[in-house]
Every structure is written in structure tokens, then in C-alpha cells.
Amino acid sequence: MVMMGIRIACFIAMAVVTPYGWYTFVFAAGAIFLPYLAVIVANVGQNADVSAAVNPERMIESAPASPAAAPAADAPTVIRIVETPRLEQPRDDRS
């Protein structure tokens, strides 16, 4: 956040401070390279601890299946797909 404020100040100083000279290029370099530096600083500041992977199947406990919820062994499994009717008519792009 502070670096972006400095970047905005560099943009303003680059346009306002006259006569233009070597310091104008310093302001331009600050305005161009500060976002890169801000990303580098933000990424270095993250916690680099390595954590062990945990198998999610061991963490989840399921409720015991009730006998009423289980389908009968001889009943077929039916999957029904129902489409809704089209709400708008297709456009005729031939004209």
C-alpha cells in the first residue's frame, strides 16, 4: 500500500517538476519498477512452512447408512432428465 502511494507520487512528480532533467528519469523508474518490487516483497513475506498433506477421506466421518435408504437389489436404477421448454424463439439471421 505504501509502495503504491510512492508510485503515484513518482507519477505526479514526473509530470509536475520542471525543468525536466535526470531526476525525471528517476521518478519514471520509480513509477515503473515499484509495482514489481511490491509483488516481490509481498511474496517473500508469506509463510514458507511446509505442511504435510492430509488424506481427506480419513478426516470425513460418514453417518451409518440406514437400511430404508438403500435401494432394493432387484429394483433398476432410473435416471430421468427433464428439459425445460425454450423461453425465447431462435432469431432468424438470414435477413
PDB file of N, CA and C in Angstrom:
ATOM      1  N   MET A   1       0.823  -1.182   0.000  1.00  0.00           N
ATOM      2  CA  MET A   1       0.000   0.000   0.000  1.00  0.00           C
ATOM      3  C   MET A   1       0.869   1.249   0.000  1.00  0.00           C
ATOM      4  N   VAL A   2       1.926   1.232   0.797  1.00  0.00           N
ATOM      5  CA  VAL A   2       2.821   2.380   0.863  1.00  0.00           C
ATOM      6  C   VAL A   2       3.572   2.536  -0.454  1.00  0.00           C
ATOM      7  N   MET A   3       3.980   1.398  -1.037  1.00  0.00           N
ATOM      8  CA  MET A   3       4.717   1.478  -2.302  1.00  0.00           C
ATOM      9  C   MET A   3       3.848   2.049  -3.415  1.00  0.00           C
ATOM     10  N   MET A   4       2.559   1.742  -3.402  1.00  0.00           N
ATOM     11  CA  MET A   4       1.687   2.284  -4.444  1.00  0.00           C
ATOM     12  C   MET A   4       1.494   3.787  -4.249  1.00  0.00           C
ATOM     13  N   GLY A   5       1.503   4.257  -3.012  1.00  0.00           N
ATOM     14  CA  GLY A   5       1.445   5.693  -2.764  1.00  0.00           C
ATOM     15  C   GLY A   5       2.693   6.397  -3.270  1.00  0.00           C
ATOM     16  N   ILE A   6       3.849   5.750  -3.056  1.00  0.00           N
ATOM     17  CA  ILE A   6       5.105   6.306  -3.573  1.00  0.00           C
ATOM     18  C   ILE A   6       5.083   6.294  -5.099  1.00  0.00           C
ATOM     19  N   ARG A   7       4.497   5.268  -5.694  1.00  0.00           N
ATOM     20  CA  ARG A   7       4.412   5.198  -7.160  1.00  0.00           C
ATOM     21  C   ARG A   7       3.567   6.345  -7.707  1.00  0.00           C
ATOM     22  N   ILE A   8       2.444   6.616  -7.082  1.00  0.00           N
ATOM     23  CA  ILE A   8       1.591   7.723  -7.522  1.00  0.00           C
ATOM     24  C   ILE A   8       2.330   9.047  -7.368  1.00  0.00           C
ATOM     25  N   ALA A   9       3.068   9.193  -6.266  1.00  0.00           N
ATOM     26  CA  ALA A   9       3.859  10.412  -6.068  1.00  0.00           C
ATOM     27  C   ALA A   9       4.924  10.547  -7.156  1.00  0.00           C
ATOM     28  N   CYS A  10       5.512   9.422  -7.571  1.00  0.00           N
ATOM     29  CA  CYS A  10       6.502   9.459  -8.663  1.00  0.00           C
ATOM     30  C   CYS A  10       5.858   9.894  -9.968  1.00  0.00           C
ATOM     31  N   PHE A  11       4.663   9.403 -10.260  1.00  0.00           N
ATOM     32  CA  PHE A  11       3.953   9.835 -11.478  1.00  0.00           C
ATOM     33  C   PHE A  11       3.692  11.337 -11.448  1.00  0.00           C
ATOM     34  N   ILE A  12       3.212  11.821 -10.317  1.00  0.00           N
ATOM     35  CA  ILE A  12       2.899  13.247 -10.205  1.00  0.00           C
ATOM     36  C   ILE A  12       4.168  14.071 -10.305  1.00  0.00           C
ATOM     37  N   ALA A  13       5.229  13.670  -9.609  1.00  0.00           N
ATOM     38  CA  ALA A  13       6.491  14.416  -9.646  1.00  0.00           C
ATOM     39  C   ALA A  13       7.098  14.390 -11.043  1.00  0.00           C
ATOM     40  N   MET A  14       6.922  13.297 -11.754  1.00  0.00           N
ATOM     41  CA  MET A  14       7.460  13.182 -13.097  1.00  0.00           C
ATOM     42  C   MET A  14       6.811  14.199 -14.037  1.00  0.00           C
ATOM     43  N   ALA A  15       5.539  14.486 -13.819  1.00  0.00           N
ATOM     44  CA  ALA A  15       4.830  15.414 -14.701  1.00  0.00           C
ATOM     45  C   ALA A  15       4.925  16.864 -14.228  1.00  0.00           C
ATOM     46  N   VAL A  16       5.032  17.088 -12.920  1.00  0.00           N
ATOM     47  CA  VAL A  16       4.933  18.443 -12.378  1.00  0.00           C
ATOM     48  C   VAL A  16       6.282  19.127 -12.241  1.00  0.00           C
ATOM     49  N   VAL A  17       7.309  18.389 -11.812  1.00  0.00           N
ATOM     50  CA  VAL A  17       8.604  19.005 -11.544  1.00  0.00           C
ATOM     51  C   VAL A  17       9.261  19.416 -12.868  1.00  0.00           C
ATOM     52  N   THR A  18       9.531  20.707 -12.975  1.00  0.00           N
ATOM     53  CA  THR A  18      10.204  21.228 -14.172  1.00  0.00           C
ATOM     54  C   THR A  18      11.391  22.059 -13.726  1.00  0.00           C
ATOM     55  N   PRO A  19      12.391  22.253 -14.429  1.00  0.00           N
ATOM     56  CA  PRO A  19      12.664  21.732 -15.767  1.00  0.00           C
ATOM     57  C   PRO A  19      13.007  20.254 -15.687  1.00  0.00           C
ATOM     58  N   TYR A  20      12.718  19.553 -16.762  1.00  0.00           N
ATOM     59  CA  TYR A  20      12.979  18.124 -16.796  1.00  0.00           C
ATOM     60  C   TYR A  20      14.473  17.878 -16.832  1.00  0.00           C
ATOM     61  N   GLY A  21      14.905  16.859 -16.117  1.00  0.00           N
ATOM     62  CA  GLY A  21      16.327  16.535 -16.051  1.00  0.00           C
ATOM     63  C   GLY A  21      16.513  15.078 -15.705  1.00  0.00           C
ATOM     64  N   TRP A  22      17.671  14.752 -15.127  1.00  0.00           N
ATOM     65  CA  TRP A  22      17.979  13.370 -14.796  1.00  0.00           C
ATOM     66  C   TRP A  22      17.024  12.823 -13.750  1.00  0.00           C
ATOM     67  N   TYR A  23      16.544  13.681 -12.857  1.00  0.00           N
ATOM     68  CA  TYR A  23      15.633  13.231 -11.793  1.00  0.00           C
ATOM     69  C   TYR A  23      14.266  12.839 -12.351  1.00  0.00           C
ATOM     70  N   THR A  24      13.911  13.350 -13.526  1.00  0.00           N
ATOM     71  CA  THR A  24      12.661  12.922 -14.163  1.00  0.00           C
ATOM     72  C   THR A  24      12.739  11.431 -14.486  1.00  0.00           C
ATOM     73  N   PHE A  25      13.908  10.978 -14.936  1.00  0.00           N
ATOM     74  CA  PHE A  25      14.089   9.555 -15.223  1.00  0.00           C
ATOM     75  C   PHE A  25      14.075   8.723 -13.939  1.00  0.00           C
ATOM     76  N   VAL A  26      14.536   9.284 -12.842  1.00  0.00           N
ATOM     77  CA  VAL A  26      14.475   8.583 -11.559  1.00  0.00           C
ATOM     78  C   VAL A  26      13.014   8.409 -11.134  1.00  0.00           C
ATOM     79  N   PHE A  27      12.215   9.485 -11.301  1.00  0.00           N
ATOM     80  CA  PHE A  27      10.787   9.381 -10.984  1.00  0.00           C
ATOM     81  C   PHE A  27      10.101   8.355 -11.894  1.00  0.00           C
ATOM     82  N   ALA A  28      10.452   8.351 -13.180  1.00  0.00           N
ATOM     83  CA  ALA A  28       9.861   7.392 -14.125  1.00  0.00           C
ATOM     84  C   ALA A  28      10.242   5.967 -13.753  1.00  0.00           C
ATOM     85  N   ALA A  29      11.506   5.759 -13.379  1.00  0.00           N
ATOM     86  CA  ALA A  29      11.944   4.418 -12.976  1.00  0.00           C
ATOM     87  C   ALA A  29      11.201   3.964 -11.721  1.00  0.00           C
ATOM     88  N   GLY A  30      10.973   4.897 -10.787  1.00  0.00           N
ATOM     89  CA  GLY A  30      10.207   4.547  -9.588  1.00  0.00           C
ATOM     90  C   GLY A  30       8.774   4.176  -9.921  1.00  0.00           C
ATOM     91  N   ALA A  31       8.172   4.920 -10.843  1.00  0.00           N
ATOM     92  CA  ALA A  31       6.786   4.640 -11.221  1.00  0.00           C
ATOM     93  C   ALA A  31       6.664   3.323 -11.975  1.00  0.00           C
ATOM     94  N   ILE A  32       7.712   2.945 -12.698  1.00  0.00           N
ATOM     95  CA  ILE A  32       7.644   1.707 -13.494  1.00  0.00           C
ATOM     96  C   ILE A  32       7.994   0.474 -12.656  1.00  0.00           C
ATOM     97  N   PHE A  33       9.043   0.568 -11.842  1.00  0.00           N
ATOM     98  CA  PHE A  33       9.549  -0.627 -11.166  1.00  0.00           C
ATOM     99  C   PHE A  33       8.978  -0.863  -9.771  1.00  0.00           C
ATOM    100  N   LEU A  34       8.295   0.108  -9.170  1.00  0.00           N
ATOM    101  CA  LEU A  34       7.734  -0.112  -7.826  1.00  0.00           C
ATOM    102  C   LEU A  34       6.662  -1.202  -7.782  1.00  0.00           C
ATOM    103  N   PRO A  35       5.784  -1.362  -8.806  1.00  0.00           N
ATOM    104  CA  PRO A  35       4.837  -2.492  -8.733  1.00  0.00           C
ATOM    105  C   PRO A  35       5.535  -3.845  -8.697  1.00  0.00           C
ATOM    106  N   TYR A  36       6.611  -3.983  -9.466  1.00  0.00           N
ATOM    107  CA  TYR A  36       7.373  -5.236  -9.461  1.00  0.00           C
ATOM    108  C   TYR A  36       7.965  -5.483  -8.073  1.00  0.00           C
ATOM    109  N   LEU A  37       8.560  -4.468  -7.496  1.00  0.00           N
ATOM    110  CA  LEU A  37       9.145  -4.614  -6.168  1.00  0.00           C
ATOM    111  C   LEU A  37       8.080  -4.902  -5.114  1.00  0.00           C
ATOM    112  N   ALA A  38       6.916  -4.309  -5.257  1.00  0.00           N
ATOM    113  CA  ALA A  38       5.836  -4.553  -4.297  1.00  0.00           C
ATOM    114  C   ALA A  38       5.397  -6.012  -4.341  1.00  0.00           C
ATOM    115  N   VAL A  39       5.330  -6.596  -5.525  1.00  0.00           N
ATOM    116  CA  VAL A  39       4.951  -8.006  -5.647  1.00  0.00           C
ATOM    117  C   VAL A  39       6.031  -8.903  -5.046  1.00  0.00           C
ATOM    118  N   ILE A  40       7.291  -8.576  -5.312  1.00  0.00           N
ATOM    119  CA  ILE A  40       8.393  -9.377  -4.756  1.00  0.00           C
ATOM    120  C   ILE A  40       8.363  -9.331  -3.227  1.00  0.00           C
ATOM    121  N   VAL A  41       8.183  -8.155  -2.652  1.00  0.00           N
ATOM    122  CA  VAL A  41       8.154  -8.016  -1.192  1.00  0.00           C
ATOM    123  C   VAL A  41       6.947  -8.758  -0.610  1.00  0.00           C
ATOM    124  N   ALA A  42       5.807  -8.691  -1.273  1.00  0.00           N
ATOM    125  CA  ALA A  42       4.610  -9.374  -0.767  1.00  0.00           C
ATOM    126  C   ALA A  42       4.781 -10.887  -0.805  1.00  0.00           C
ATOM    127  N   ASN A  43       5.422 -11.405  -1.847  1.00  0.00           N
ATOM    128  CA  ASN A  43       5.603 -12.852  -1.951  1.00  0.00           C
ATOM    129  C   ASN A  43       6.655 -13.371  -0.987  1.00  0.00           C
ATOM    130  N   VAL A  44       7.688 -12.603  -0.701  1.00  0.00           N
ATOM    131  CA  VAL A  44       8.728 -13.035   0.228  1.00  0.00           C
ATOM    132  C   VAL A  44       8.178 -13.058   1.647  1.00  0.00           C
ATOM    133  N   GLY A  45       7.235 -12.190   1.954  1.00  0.00           N
ATOM    134  CA  GLY A  45       6.706 -12.096   3.299  1.00  0.00           C
ATOM    135  C   GLY A  45       5.759 -13.208   3.675  1.00  0.00           C
ATOM    136  N   GLN A  46       5.393 -14.072   2.732  1.00  0.00           N
ATOM    137  CA  GLN A  46       4.464 -15.146   3.053  1.00  0.00           C
ATOM    138  C   GLN A  46       5.159 -16.230   3.862  1.00  0.00           C
ATOM    139  N   ASN A  47       4.368 -16.966   4.613  1.00  0.00           N
ATOM    140  CA  ASN A  47       4.885 -18.053   5.434  1.00  0.00           C
ATOM    141  C   ASN A  47       5.323 -19.198   4.525  1.00  0.00           C
ATOM    142  N   ALA A  48       6.549 -19.636   4.658  1.00  0.00           N
ATOM    143  CA  ALA A  48       7.097 -20.669   3.786  1.00  0.00           C
ATOM    144  C   ALA A  48       7.156 -22.033   4.461  1.00  0.00           C
ATOM    145  N   ASP A  49       6.425 -22.239   5.547  1.00  0.00           N
ATOM    146  CA  ASP A  49       6.422 -23.532   6.220  1.00  0.00           C
ATOM    147  C   ASP A  49       5.769 -24.576   5.325  1.00  0.00           C
ATOM    148  N   VAL A  50       6.371 -25.745   5.298  1.00  0.00           N
ATOM    149  CA  VAL A  50       5.822 -26.843   4.505  1.00  0.00           C
ATOM    150  C   VAL A  50       4.927 -27.663   5.418  1.00  0.00           C
ATOM    151  N   SER A  51       3.708 -27.856   5.000  1.00  0.00           N
ATOM    152  CA  SER A  51       2.789 -28.660   5.808  1.00  0.00           C
ATOM    153  C   SER A  51       2.595 -30.018   5.144  1.00  0.00           C
ATOM    154  N   ALA A  52       2.339 -31.009   5.940  1.00  0.00           N
ATOM    155  CA  ALA A  52       2.134 -32.361   5.436  1.00  0.00           C
ATOM    156  C   ALA A  52       0.726 -32.485   4.864  1.00  0.00           C
ATOM    157  N   ALA A  53       0.613 -33.231   3.799  1.00  0.00           N
ATOM    158  CA  ALA A  53      -0.686 -33.450   3.174  1.00  0.00           C
ATOM    159  C   ALA A  53      -1.515 -34.391   4.047  1.00  0.00           C
ATOM    160  N   VAL A  54      -2.800 -34.099   4.149  1.00  0.00           N
ATOM    161  CA  VAL A  54      -3.706 -34.913   4.946  1.00  0.00           C
ATOM    162  C   VAL A  54      -4.713 -35.539   4.000  1.00  0.00           C
ATOM    163  N   ASN A  55      -4.879 -36.842   4.098  1.00  0.00           N
ATOM    164  CA  ASN A  55      -5.835 -37.538   3.267  1.00  0.00           C
ATOM    165  C   ASN A  55      -7.243 -37.131   3.694  1.00  0.00           C
ATOM    166  N   PRO A  56      -8.041 -36.530   2.812  1.00  0.00           N
ATOM    167  CA  PRO A  56      -9.364 -36.048   3.227  1.00  0.00           C
ATOM    168  C   PRO A  56     -10.336 -37.163   3.581  1.00  0.00           C
ATOM    169  N   GLU A  57     -10.116 -38.359   3.068  1.00  0.00           N
ATOM    170  CA  GLU A  57     -11.032 -39.456   3.384  1.00  0.00           C
ATOM    171  C   GLU A  57     -10.935 -39.860   4.851  1.00  0.00           C
ATOM    172  N   ARG A  58      -9.800 -39.660   5.444  1.00  0.00           N
ATOM    173  CA  ARG A  58      -9.641 -40.013   6.853  1.00  0.00           C
ATOM    174  C   ARG A  58     -10.273 -38.957   7.761  1.00  0.00           C
ATOM    175  N   MET A  59     -10.425 -37.762   7.276  1.00  0.00           N
ATOM    176  CA  MET A  59     -10.965 -36.682   8.089  1.00  0.00           C
ATOM    177  C   MET A  59     -12.494 -36.687   8.112  1.00  0.00           C
ATOM    178  N   ILE A  60     -13.115 -37.221   7.075  1.00  0.00           N
ATOM    179  CA  ILE A  60     -14.576 -37.176   6.962  1.00  0.00           C
ATOM    180  C   ILE A  60     -15.152 -38.459   7.544  1.00  0.00           C
ATOM    181  N   GLU A  61     -16.069 -38.286   8.480  1.00  0.00           N
ATOM    182  CA  GLU A  61     -16.763 -39.445   9.032  1.00  0.00           C
ATOM    183  C   GLU A  61     -18.190 -39.426   8.525  1.00  0.00           C
ATOM    184  N   SER A  62     -18.603 -40.497   7.944  1.00  0.00           N
ATOM    185  CA  SER A  62     -19.956 -40.555   7.399  1.00  0.00           C
ATOM    186  C   SER A  62     -20.894 -41.198   8.415  1.00  0.00           C
ATOM    187  N   ALA A  63     -22.150 -40.806   8.285  1.00  0.00           N
ATOM    188  CA  ALA A  63     -23.167 -41.392   9.145  1.00  0.00           C
ATOM    189  C   ALA A  63     -23.451 -42.811   8.658  1.00  0.00           C
ATOM    190  N   PRO A  64     -23.800 -43.712   9.543  1.00  0.00           N
ATOM    191  CA  PRO A  64     -24.105 -45.073   9.091  1.00  0.00           C
ATOM    192  C   PRO A  64     -25.344 -45.070   8.187  1.00  0.00           C
ATOM    193  N   ALA A  65     -25.288 -45.860   7.141  1.00  0.00           N
ATOM    194  CA  ALA A  65     -26.388 -45.925   6.172  1.00  0.00           C
ATOM    195  C   ALA A  65     -27.576 -46.644   6.803  1.00  0.00           C
ATOM    196  N   SER A  66     -28.733 -46.053   6.608  1.00  0.00           N
ATOM    197  CA  SER A  66     -29.938 -46.692   7.141  1.00  0.00           C
ATOM    198  C   SER A  66     -30.440 -47.710   6.117  1.00  0.00           C
ATOM    199  N   PRO A  67     -31.026 -48.786   6.568  1.00  0.00           N
ATOM    200  CA  PRO A  67     -31.500 -49.812   5.622  1.00  0.00           C
ATOM    201  C   PRO A  67     -32.644 -49.298   4.744  1.00  0.00           C
ATOM    202  N   ALA A  68     -33.416 -48.325   5.187  1.00  0.00           N
ATOM    203  CA  ALA A  68     -34.531 -47.823   4.379  1.00  0.00           C
ATOM    204  C   ALA A  68     -34.024 -46.992   3.203  1.00  0.00           C
ATOM    205  N   ALA A  69     -32.837 -46.360   3.338  1.00  0.00           N
ATOM    206  CA  ALA A  69     -32.308 -45.515   2.276  1.00  0.00           C
ATOM    207  C   ALA A  69     -31.679 -46.333   1.156  1.00  0.00           C
ATOM    208  N   ALA A  70     -31.314 -47.557   1.427  1.00  0.00           N
ATOM    209  CA  ALA A  70     -30.671 -48.383   0.413  1.00  0.00           C
ATOM    210  C   ALA A  70     -31.709 -48.870  -0.594  1.00  0.00           C
ATOM    211  N   PRO A  71     -31.424 -48.801  -1.901  1.00  0.00           N
ATOM    212  CA  PRO A  71     -32.384 -49.289  -2.893  1.00  0.00           C
ATOM    213  C   PRO A  71     -32.448 -50.814  -2.869  1.00  0.00           C
ATOM    214  N   ALA A  72     -33.570 -51.316  -3.296  1.00  0.00           N
ATOM    215  CA  ALA A  72     -33.746 -52.767  -3.344  1.00  0.00           C
ATOM    216  C   ALA A  72     -32.794 -53.342  -4.385  1.00  0.00           C
ATOM    217  N   ALA A  73     -32.339 -54.567  -4.156  1.00  0.00           N
ATOM    218  CA  ALA A  73     -31.350 -55.178  -5.041  1.00  0.00           C
ATOM    219  C   ALA A  73     -31.926 -55.457  -6.426  1.00  0.00           C
ATOM    220  N   ASP A  74     -33.231 -55.754  -6.525  1.00  0.00           N
ATOM    221  CA  ASP A  74     -33.815 -56.086  -7.822  1.00  0.00           C
ATOM    222  C   ASP A  74     -34.431 -54.873  -8.525  1.00  0.00           C
ATOM    223  N   ALA A  75     -34.488 -53.705  -7.866  1.00  0.00           N
ATOM    224  CA  ALA A  75     -35.077 -52.520  -8.492  1.00  0.00           C
ATOM    225  C   ALA A  75     -34.037 -51.854  -9.397  1.00  0.00           C
ATOM    226  N   PRO A  76     -34.441 -51.528 -10.628  1.00  0.00           N
ATOM    227  CA  PRO A  76     -33.484 -50.875 -11.532  1.00  0.00           C
ATOM    228  C   PRO A  76     -33.275 -49.411 -11.123  1.00  0.00           C
ATOM    229  N   THR A  77     -32.102 -48.918 -11.410  1.00  0.00           N
ATOM    230  CA  THR A  77     -31.809 -47.520 -11.142  1.00  0.00           C
ATOM    231  C   THR A  77     -32.256 -46.702 -12.340  1.00  0.00           C
ATOM    232  N   VAL A  78     -33.090 -45.697 -12.095  1.00  0.00           N
ATOM    233  CA  VAL A  78     -33.637 -44.880 -13.172  1.00  0.00           C
ATOM    234  C   VAL A  78     -33.103 -43.468 -13.031  1.00  0.00           C
ATOM    235  N   ILE A  79     -32.564 -42.959 -14.115  1.00  0.00           N
ATOM    236  CA  ILE A  79     -32.117 -41.576 -14.158  1.00  0.00           C
ATOM    237  C   ILE A  79     -33.011 -40.859 -15.155  1.00  0.00           C
ATOM    238  N   ARG A  80     -33.696 -39.831 -14.699  1.00  0.00           N
ATOM    239  CA  ARG A  80     -34.623 -39.106 -15.559  1.00  0.00           C
ATOM    240  C   ARG A  80     -34.077 -37.707 -15.804  1.00  0.00           C
ATOM    241  N   ILE A  81     -34.011 -37.316 -17.071  1.00  0.00           N
ATOM    242  CA  ILE A  81     -33.561 -35.985 -17.459  1.00  0.00           C
ATOM    243  C   ILE A  81     -34.753 -35.256 -18.055  1.00  0.00           C
ATOM    244  N   VAL A  82     -35.086 -34.122 -17.472  1.00  0.00           N
ATOM    245  CA  VAL A  82     -36.217 -33.333 -17.937  1.00  0.00           C
ATOM    246  C   VAL A  82     -35.687 -31.990 -18.415  1.00  0.00           C
ATOM    247  N   GLU A  83     -36.019 -31.647 -19.654  1.00  0.00           N
ATOM    248  CA  GLU A  83     -35.596 -30.363 -20.197  1.00  0.00           C
ATOM    249  C   GLU A  83     -36.729 -29.365 -20.075  1.00  0.00           C
ATOM    250  N   THR A  84     -36.383 -28.133 -19.783  1.00  0.00           N
ATOM    251  CA  THR A  84     -37.396 -27.081 -19.722  1.00  0.00           C
ATOM    252  C   THR A  84     -37.665 -26.568 -21.127  1.00  0.00           C
ATOM    253  N   PRO A  85     -38.864 -26.079 -21.389  1.00  0.00           N
ATOM    254  CA  PRO A  85     -39.156 -25.564 -22.727  1.00  0.00           C
ATOM    255  C   PRO A  85     -38.375 -24.274 -22.991  1.00  0.00           C
ATOM    256  N   ARG A  86     -38.128 -24.000 -24.253  1.00  0.00           N
ATOM    257  CA  ARG A  86     -37.405 -22.808 -24.655  1.00  0.00           C
ATOM    258  C   ARG A  86     -38.266 -21.588 -24.380  1.00  0.00           C
ATOM    259  N   LEU A  87     -37.688 -20.572 -23.734  1.00  0.00           N
ATOM    260  CA  LEU A  87     -38.444 -19.376 -23.386  1.00  0.00           C
ATOM    261  C   LEU A  87     -38.499 -18.377 -24.535  1.00  0.00           C
ATOM    262  N   GLU A  88     -37.470 -18.342 -25.364  1.00  0.00           N
ATOM    263  CA  GLU A  88     -37.438 -17.411 -26.482  1.00  0.00           C
ATOM    264  C   GLU A  88     -37.317 -18.183 -27.772  1.00  0.00           C
ATOM    265  N   GLN A  89     -37.890 -17.647 -28.825  1.00  0.00           N
ATOM    266  CA  GLN A  89     -37.765 -18.263 -30.142  1.00  0.00           C
ATOM    267  C   GLN A  89     -36.404 -17.907 -30.710  1.00  0.00           C
ATOM    268  N   PRO A  90     -35.788 -18.823 -31.465  1.00  0.00           N
ATOM    269  CA  PRO A  90     -34.490 -18.506 -32.050  1.00  0.00           C
ATOM    270  C   PRO A  90     -34.613 -17.401 -33.090  1.00  0.00           C
ATOM    271  N   ARG A  91     -33.579 -16.568 -33.204  1.00  0.00           N
ATOM    272  CA  ARG A  91     -33.602 -15.470 -34.163  1.00  0.00           C
ATOM    273  C   ARG A  91     -33.295 -15.995 -35.556  1.00  0.00           C
ATOM    274  N   ASP A  92     -33.865 -15.363 -36.533  1.00  0.00           N
ATOM    275  CA  ASP A  92     -33.596 -15.704 -37.926  1.00  0.00           C
ATOM    276  C   ASP A  92     -32.607 -14.672 -38.451  1.00  0.00           C
ATOM    277  N   ASP A  93     -31.341 -15.079 -38.634  1.00  0.00           N
ATOM    278  CA  ASP A  93     -30.290 -14.151 -39.047  1.00  0.00           C
ATOM    279  C   ASP A  93     -30.150 -14.064 -40.569  1.00  0.00           C
ATOM    280  N   ARG A  94     -31.081 -14.624 -41.318  1.00  0.00           N
ATOM    281  CA  ARG A  94     -30.980 -14.602 -42.768  1.00  0.00           C
ATOM    282  C   ARG A  94     -31.331 -13.267 -43.377  1.00  0.00           C
ATOM    283  N   SER A  95     -32.051 -12.424 -42.669  1.00  0.00           N
ATOM    284  CA  SER A  95     -32.477 -11.141 -43.266  1.00  0.00           C
ATOM    285  C   SER A  95     -31.454 -10.064 -43.097  1.00  0.00           C
TER     286      SER A  95
END
